[in-house]
Amino acid sequence: MLNFLLIGAGQLGSRHLQALALSDFDDIYIQVVEPSPEARRVARERWEQVAKSEKIHAIEFLESISSINRSIDFCIVATNANCRLQVLRDLLASVSVRQLVLEKVLFQSVDQVKAASRLLSSLDTQVWVNCPRRMFPIYLELKERLAHEQTLNLQVNGNNWGLACNAIHFIDLWAMLGGQHSYTLETSGLDAAVVESKRPGYKEVSGTLSGVADNRRFSLTSGAGIEMVPLSISIETEQFSIDVNESKGLCTIQTKETGQQEVLAFSVLFQSQLSHEAARQLLASADGQCELTSFNESASLHEPLLQGLLEFFNRQGDDIHTLCPIT
C-alpha cells in the first residue's frame, strides 16, 4: 500500500485532496494534516463531493505533523509560504518521505531557499515544485515546437491577477519553454503603490515585472484598473508568433515566414485534475520523474524574484522587511 500525505488543507490544499481521491494505480492510504478545524471541515466536505477510486482504502484527518504514523511515499505541502520552511523541517525530522511536492511561492527569502536546499541535500527525498502549467498538454506541445528556437520573448497582460504572488507561474513557464534556469529581474516597471493581498498579512503589486537571460525575455504586467481584462499570454520567437488565451482554451500559432496560422483548442486543467497524475508519474514510472519543476531549478527561478520584490517593498515604505510578504 502507498502512503500519501497532504499538509495544509485550505483552499488550494483541499483541491489537491480532491485530485488524490482519483488515484487508481495502487492501494492508497491518505493522511491529511490541517491544524484549523474550519479548514478540516471544508476539506472533508470537498472530499465527500468527488468520486473516489476504489484504490483509496482509508483517509485520516490529523491536527499536527506529530500525529503522522507511517513513512510517506508521496507528500504535498500546501501551506502558506510564511510557515513552509518550518513545516518542512518538522516533517523531515520525524518522517521518511520518498517523493515531495511543495507549493509555491516556495519561501519568503533567498536565505530560506538556501536553508531548504541544505536540508534537502542531506536526504534521499526527491522534491518538486507545483507549477502546474508544466503538466498542461498545450504547453508540452509548445515546448516541443520551440525546442530549437534561439530567442524567446514571453509577455503576460491582464488586470489585478496578483502579480507578486503569481509571477512565479509565468517565470516557470518561460523557463520551461526557453530552457533557462536563471535570469536578471527588473522591478522599475512596478507601480509605487503597494496594496494588501486578498490573503491577510501579504502584499501585492501592479505594473510590470520583467526579466532577461541572454536572448530570452519575459514581461509580466498586471494593471491596477477595476475593469476585468482577461489574461493574455504572447510568445515571440524568431520563427513564430503565438497567442494563448486560457479563458477561451485557444492557442494561435503563426509561422512568420509564411503567415500561416494554426489554431489549437485546449482545456485548462484545474488542481483537482492534476495532483494524482503527478503522483502517478512519480510512483508508477520506472524513473521516478514527473513533469513538475525540480526543486533545484525552481529555487534558481525563485531567488531573483524574492530578492527583487523584497528590495522593492523596502523602497516603498517605512517598514523594513527581512521576508518578502508574498505567498
Protein backbone atom coordinates (compact mmCIF):
# COMPACT_ATOMS: atom_id res chain seq x y z
CA MET A 1 0.00 0.00 0.00
CA LEU A 2 1.18 3.52 -0.82
CA ASN A 3 1.02 6.17 1.88
CA PHE A 4 0.02 9.68 0.82
CA LEU A 5 0.26 12.80 2.97
CA LEU A 6 -1.22 16.26 2.44
CA ILE A 7 -0.08 19.07 4.76
CA GLY A 8 -2.34 22.11 4.53
CA ALA A 9 -5.95 21.52 3.50
CA GLY A 10 -7.09 25.10 2.92
CA GLN A 11 -8.50 26.45 -0.34
CA LEU A 12 -5.75 25.04 -2.55
CA GLY A 13 -4.90 22.07 -0.37
CA SER A 14 -8.48 20.79 -0.47
CA ARG A 15 -8.29 20.81 -4.29
CA HIS A 16 -5.14 18.69 -4.09
CA LEU A 17 -7.12 16.33 -1.88
CA GLN A 18 -9.93 16.06 -4.43
CA ALA A 19 -7.37 15.07 -7.05
CA LEU A 20 -5.75 12.48 -4.80
CA ALA A 21 -9.17 10.83 -4.47
CA LEU A 22 -8.80 9.82 -8.14
CA SER A 23 -5.54 7.88 -7.61
CA ASP A 24 -6.07 4.40 -9.03
CA PHE A 25 -2.61 2.96 -9.69
CA ASP A 26 -2.11 1.21 -6.33
CA ASP A 27 -3.76 0.68 -2.96
CA ILE A 28 -3.58 4.01 -1.15
CA TYR A 29 -3.89 5.31 2.41
CA ILE A 30 -4.15 9.11 2.85
CA GLN A 31 -3.29 11.27 5.85
CA VAL A 32 -4.25 14.96 5.92
CA VAL A 33 -2.60 17.35 8.39
CA GLU A 34 -4.53 20.60 8.95
CA PRO A 35 -4.49 22.44 12.30
CA SER A 36 -7.52 24.64 11.53
CA PRO A 37 -10.85 23.00 12.46
CA GLU A 38 -12.68 25.09 9.85
CA ALA A 39 -10.23 24.15 7.09
CA ARG A 40 -10.53 20.48 8.10
CA ARG A 41 -14.32 20.78 7.87
CA VAL A 42 -14.16 22.28 4.36
CA ALA A 43 -11.63 19.66 3.28
CA ARG A 44 -13.92 16.86 4.49
CA GLU A 45 -16.81 18.41 2.57
CA ARG A 46 -14.79 18.66 -0.61
CA TRP A 47 -13.59 15.09 -0.16
CA GLU A 48 -17.19 13.93 0.02
CA GLN A 49 -18.12 15.92 -3.11
CA VAL A 50 -15.94 13.93 -5.51
CA ALA A 51 -15.96 10.41 -6.88
CA LYS A 52 -13.21 8.26 -5.40
CA SER A 53 -11.09 5.49 -6.78
CA GLU A 54 -11.71 2.05 -5.31
CA LYS A 55 -7.98 2.02 -4.59
CA ILE A 56 -8.42 4.57 -1.75
CA HIS A 57 -8.54 2.35 1.32
CA ALA A 58 -8.72 4.96 4.07
CA ILE A 59 -8.31 8.65 4.86
CA GLU A 60 -7.40 10.19 8.20
CA PHE A 61 -7.52 13.87 9.20
CA LEU A 62 -4.86 14.95 11.70
CA GLU A 63 -4.17 18.16 13.61
CA SER A 64 -0.37 18.08 13.59
CA ILE A 65 2.69 16.58 11.95
CA SER A 66 3.49 14.78 15.20
CA SER A 67 0.43 12.56 14.62
CA ILE A 68 1.71 11.12 11.31
CA ASN A 69 2.04 7.40 11.91
CA ARG A 70 3.91 5.91 8.96
CA SER A 71 6.58 6.62 6.35
CA ILE A 72 5.31 8.51 3.30
CA ASP A 73 5.58 7.65 -0.39
CA PHE A 74 4.04 10.87 -1.73
CA CYS A 75 3.57 14.16 0.11
CA ILE A 76 2.17 17.56 -0.86
CA VAL A 77 2.91 20.61 1.32
CA ALA A 78 0.23 23.21 0.55
CA THR A 79 0.69 25.63 3.44
CA ASN A 80 1.25 29.37 3.11
CA ALA A 81 4.83 30.41 2.36
CA ASN A 82 5.37 32.06 5.76
CA CYS A 83 5.47 28.72 7.60
CA ARG A 84 6.61 26.36 4.85
CA LEU A 85 10.28 26.14 5.86
CA GLN A 86 9.39 25.24 9.45
CA VAL A 87 6.81 22.71 8.24
CA LEU A 88 9.46 21.17 6.01
CA ARG A 89 11.91 20.94 8.92
CA ASP A 90 9.32 19.42 11.25
CA LEU A 91 8.16 16.93 8.63
CA LEU A 92 11.57 15.66 7.56
CA ALA A 93 12.84 15.47 11.14
CA SER A 94 10.16 12.95 12.04
CA VAL A 95 9.02 11.17 8.87
CA SER A 96 10.69 9.49 5.91
CA VAL A 97 9.32 10.94 2.64
CA ARG A 98 10.02 9.39 -0.75
CA GLN A 99 8.51 11.99 -3.15
CA LEU A 100 7.65 15.52 -2.04
CA VAL A 101 5.76 18.30 -3.86
CA LEU A 102 5.93 21.84 -2.47
CA GLU A 103 3.50 24.64 -3.26
CA LYS A 104 4.78 28.00 -4.33
CA VAL A 105 5.77 30.73 -3.75
CA LEU A 106 8.29 28.37 -2.14
CA PHE A 107 9.56 30.59 0.69
CA GLN A 108 9.87 34.28 1.55
CA SER A 109 13.60 34.95 1.23
CA VAL A 110 16.71 33.76 -0.56
CA ASP A 111 18.12 32.70 2.83
CA GLN A 112 15.11 30.42 3.35
CA VAL A 113 15.55 28.92 -0.12
CA LYS A 114 19.21 28.19 0.65
CA ALA A 115 18.34 26.75 4.08
CA ALA A 116 15.84 24.39 2.47
CA SER A 117 18.39 23.43 -0.17
CA ARG A 118 20.90 22.48 2.54
CA LEU A 119 18.28 20.45 4.39
CA LEU A 120 17.12 18.58 1.29
CA SER A 121 20.64 17.87 0.03
CA SER A 122 21.25 15.65 3.05
CA LEU A 123 18.19 13.44 2.38
CA ASP A 124 17.08 10.89 -0.20
CA THR A 125 13.75 12.66 -0.74
CA GLN A 126 13.03 13.77 -4.30
CA VAL A 127 11.45 17.24 -4.28
CA TRP A 128 9.30 19.03 -6.85
CA VAL A 129 7.53 22.39 -7.02
CA ASN A 130 3.93 22.66 -8.12
CA CYS A 131 4.00 24.96 -11.14
CA PRO A 132 1.20 23.04 -12.87
CA ARG A 133 1.30 24.61 -16.35
CA ARG A 134 4.20 22.24 -17.00
CA MET A 135 1.60 19.47 -16.98
CA PHE A 136 -0.78 21.13 -19.46
CA PRO A 137 -0.69 19.31 -22.82
CA ILE A 138 -0.78 22.64 -24.70
CA TYR A 139 2.44 23.87 -23.07
CA LEU A 140 4.13 20.49 -23.54
CA GLU A 141 3.22 20.80 -27.24
CA LEU A 142 4.67 24.33 -27.40
CA LYS A 143 7.84 23.22 -25.62
CA GLU A 144 8.39 20.59 -28.29
CA ARG A 145 7.71 23.01 -31.15
CA LEU A 146 10.01 25.70 -29.73
CA ALA A 147 12.87 23.39 -28.79
CA HIS A 148 15.23 24.79 -31.44
CA GLU A 149 14.33 28.48 -31.20
CA GLN A 150 17.25 30.72 -30.26
CA THR A 151 15.17 33.65 -28.98
CA LEU A 152 12.04 33.71 -26.85
CA ASN A 153 10.02 36.63 -25.51
CA LEU A 154 7.05 35.84 -23.26
CA GLN A 155 4.55 38.56 -22.36
CA VAL A 156 1.61 38.27 -19.95
CA ASN A 157 -1.00 41.01 -19.63
CA GLY A 158 -4.15 41.45 -17.55
CA ASN A 159 -5.67 43.36 -14.65
CA ASN A 160 -5.46 42.53 -10.96
CA TRP A 161 -4.19 38.97 -11.37
CA GLY A 162 -1.91 39.01 -8.32
CA LEU A 163 1.44 39.80 -9.92
CA ALA A 164 3.65 39.33 -6.84
CA CYS A 165 2.10 36.04 -5.78
CA ASN A 166 1.57 34.59 -9.25
CA ALA A 167 4.61 35.80 -11.20
CA ILE A 168 6.48 32.55 -10.48
CA HIS A 169 3.85 30.63 -12.53
CA PHE A 170 4.83 32.50 -15.68
CA ILE A 171 8.54 32.77 -14.94
CA ASP A 172 8.44 28.99 -14.63
CA LEU A 173 6.55 28.70 -17.93
CA TRP A 174 9.13 30.96 -19.61
CA ALA A 175 11.92 28.79 -18.21
CA MET A 176 10.20 25.63 -19.41
CA LEU A 177 9.71 26.91 -22.95
CA GLY A 178 13.11 28.58 -23.29
CA GLY A 179 15.31 26.24 -21.28
CA GLN A 180 16.55 28.97 -18.91
CA HIS A 181 17.27 28.35 -15.23
CA SER A 182 18.40 31.86 -14.23
CA TYR A 183 17.69 35.47 -15.15
CA THR A 184 18.07 39.09 -14.07
CA LEU A 185 14.88 40.66 -12.69
CA GLU A 186 13.85 44.28 -13.32
CA THR A 187 11.31 45.92 -10.98
CA SER A 188 11.46 49.52 -12.25
CA GLY A 189 8.18 49.00 -14.13
CA LEU A 190 6.20 48.32 -10.96
CA ASP A 191 3.72 50.90 -9.68
CA ALA A 192 4.79 52.63 -6.47
CA ALA A 193 1.58 51.77 -4.62
CA VAL A 194 1.72 48.54 -2.62
CA VAL A 195 -1.66 47.03 -1.78
CA GLU A 196 -2.92 44.37 0.61
CA SER A 197 -3.30 40.91 -0.84
CA LYS A 198 -6.61 39.09 -0.67
CA ARG A 199 -4.77 36.82 1.77
CA PRO A 200 -4.41 38.65 5.12
CA GLY A 201 -0.86 39.61 6.02
CA TYR A 202 0.50 39.54 2.47
CA LYS A 203 1.21 42.26 -0.11
CA GLU A 204 0.50 42.73 -3.80
CA VAL A 205 1.84 44.93 -6.60
CA SER A 206 0.75 46.15 -10.01
CA GLY A 207 2.72 47.28 -13.04
CA THR A 208 5.35 45.28 -14.89
CA LEU A 209 7.96 42.76 -13.77
CA SER A 210 10.49 41.85 -16.44
CA GLY A 211 13.45 39.55 -16.74
CA VAL A 212 16.19 38.69 -19.17
CA ALA A 213 18.70 35.92 -19.75
CA ASP A 214 20.80 36.15 -22.89
CA ASN A 215 18.31 36.42 -25.78
CA ARG A 216 15.28 35.25 -23.81
CA ARG A 217 13.00 37.72 -22.02
CA PHE A 218 9.73 37.90 -20.13
CA SER A 219 7.42 40.78 -19.28
CA LEU A 220 4.55 40.30 -16.81
CA THR A 221 2.03 43.12 -16.49
CA SER A 222 -0.89 43.43 -14.08
CA GLY A 223 -2.90 46.62 -14.43
CA ALA A 224 -4.50 48.25 -11.41
CA GLY A 225 -7.74 49.21 -13.16
CA ILE A 226 -11.07 47.89 -11.89
CA GLU A 227 -12.08 46.70 -15.36
CA MET A 228 -11.74 42.96 -15.81
CA VAL A 229 -9.17 42.27 -18.52
CA PRO A 230 -8.71 38.57 -19.37
CA LEU A 231 -5.17 37.33 -19.02
CA SER A 232 -3.36 37.11 -22.34
CA ILE A 233 -0.12 35.24 -22.99
CA SER A 234 2.03 36.04 -26.03
CA ILE A 235 5.19 34.22 -27.10
CA GLU A 236 7.53 35.53 -29.77
CA THR A 237 10.46 33.63 -31.26
CA GLU A 238 12.43 34.06 -34.49
CA GLN A 239 10.03 31.75 -36.33
CA PHE A 240 6.71 32.00 -34.51
CA SER A 241 4.19 34.42 -33.00
CA ILE A 242 1.96 32.63 -30.51
CA ASP A 243 -1.09 33.85 -28.60
CA VAL A 244 -2.51 31.73 -25.79
CA ASN A 245 -5.99 32.52 -24.49
CA GLU A 246 -6.51 30.29 -21.48
CA SER A 247 -10.01 31.60 -20.75
CA LYS A 248 -11.18 30.53 -24.24
CA GLY A 249 -8.92 27.49 -24.50
CA LEU A 250 -7.39 28.61 -27.80
CA CYS A 251 -3.74 28.80 -28.88
CA THR A 252 -2.95 30.57 -32.16
CA ILE A 253 0.43 29.81 -33.74
CA GLN A 254 1.56 31.93 -36.68
CA THR A 255 4.60 30.99 -38.75
CA LYS A 256 6.31 34.28 -39.58
CA GLU A 257 7.86 33.22 -42.88
CA THR A 258 4.60 32.09 -44.49
CA GLY A 259 1.99 33.89 -42.39
CA GLN A 260 0.21 30.58 -41.95
CA GLN A 261 -1.90 30.31 -38.80
CA GLU A 262 -2.80 27.23 -36.79
CA VAL A 263 -5.38 27.30 -34.00
CA LEU A 264 -5.18 24.64 -31.31
CA ALA A 265 -8.03 24.09 -28.85
CA PHE A 266 -7.15 23.03 -25.32
CA SER A 267 -8.54 22.78 -21.81
CA VAL A 268 -7.11 24.50 -18.76
CA LEU A 269 -6.55 21.86 -16.10
CA PHE A 270 -7.54 22.59 -12.51
CA GLN A 271 -5.55 21.43 -9.49
CA SER A 272 -8.27 18.87 -8.72
CA GLN A 273 -7.39 17.24 -12.08
CA LEU A 274 -3.63 17.17 -11.66
CA SER A 275 -2.19 16.09 -8.29
CA HIS A 276 -2.93 12.38 -8.73
CA GLU A 277 -1.25 12.50 -12.16
CA ALA A 278 1.93 13.87 -10.60
CA ALA A 279 1.75 11.04 -8.05
CA ARG A 280 1.26 8.52 -10.85
CA GLN A 281 4.27 9.83 -12.78
CA LEU A 282 6.48 9.72 -9.70
CA LEU A 283 5.41 6.40 -8.21
CA ALA A 284 4.22 4.27 -11.12
CA SER A 285 7.05 5.05 -13.54
CA ALA A 286 10.44 3.38 -13.71
CA ASP A 287 12.48 6.58 -13.43
CA GLY A 288 10.62 8.33 -10.57
CA GLN A 289 10.39 11.59 -12.50
CA CYS A 290 7.48 13.90 -13.27
CA GLU A 291 6.63 16.93 -15.42
CA LEU A 292 6.72 19.38 -12.50
CA THR A 293 9.73 21.61 -11.83
CA SER A 294 12.54 20.09 -9.81
CA PHE A 295 13.33 21.83 -6.53
CA ASN A 296 16.80 22.92 -7.64
CA GLU A 297 15.53 24.50 -10.84
CA SER A 298 12.65 26.22 -9.06
CA ALA A 299 15.00 27.52 -6.36
CA SER A 300 17.06 29.21 -9.09
CA LEU A 301 13.90 30.79 -10.51
CA HIS A 302 12.61 31.90 -7.09
CA GLU A 303 15.77 33.62 -5.86
CA PRO A 304 15.85 36.65 -8.22
CA LEU A 305 12.09 37.12 -7.76
CA LEU A 306 12.21 37.04 -3.95
CA GLN A 307 15.26 39.30 -3.76
CA GLY A 308 13.91 41.80 -6.30
CA LEU A 309 10.47 42.06 -4.72
CA LEU A 310 11.91 42.30 -1.21
CA GLU A 311 14.08 45.22 -2.27
CA PHE A 312 11.08 46.83 -3.99
CA PHE A 313 8.86 46.53 -0.90
CA ASN A 314 11.60 48.01 1.28
CA ARG A 315 11.92 51.02 -1.03
CA GLN A 316 8.22 51.82 -0.84
CA GLY A 317 7.56 52.22 2.89
CA ASP A 318 8.92 52.94 6.32
CA ASP A 319 8.85 49.30 7.42
CA ILE A 320 11.94 47.25 6.64
CA HIS A 321 11.12 43.67 5.70
CA THR A 322 13.54 40.79 6.03
CA LEU A 323 10.99 38.42 4.47
CA CYS A 324 9.17 39.05 1.20
CA PRO A 325 5.45 39.30 2.17
CA ILE A 326 4.03 37.12 -0.60
CA THR A 327 2.57 33.62 -0.74
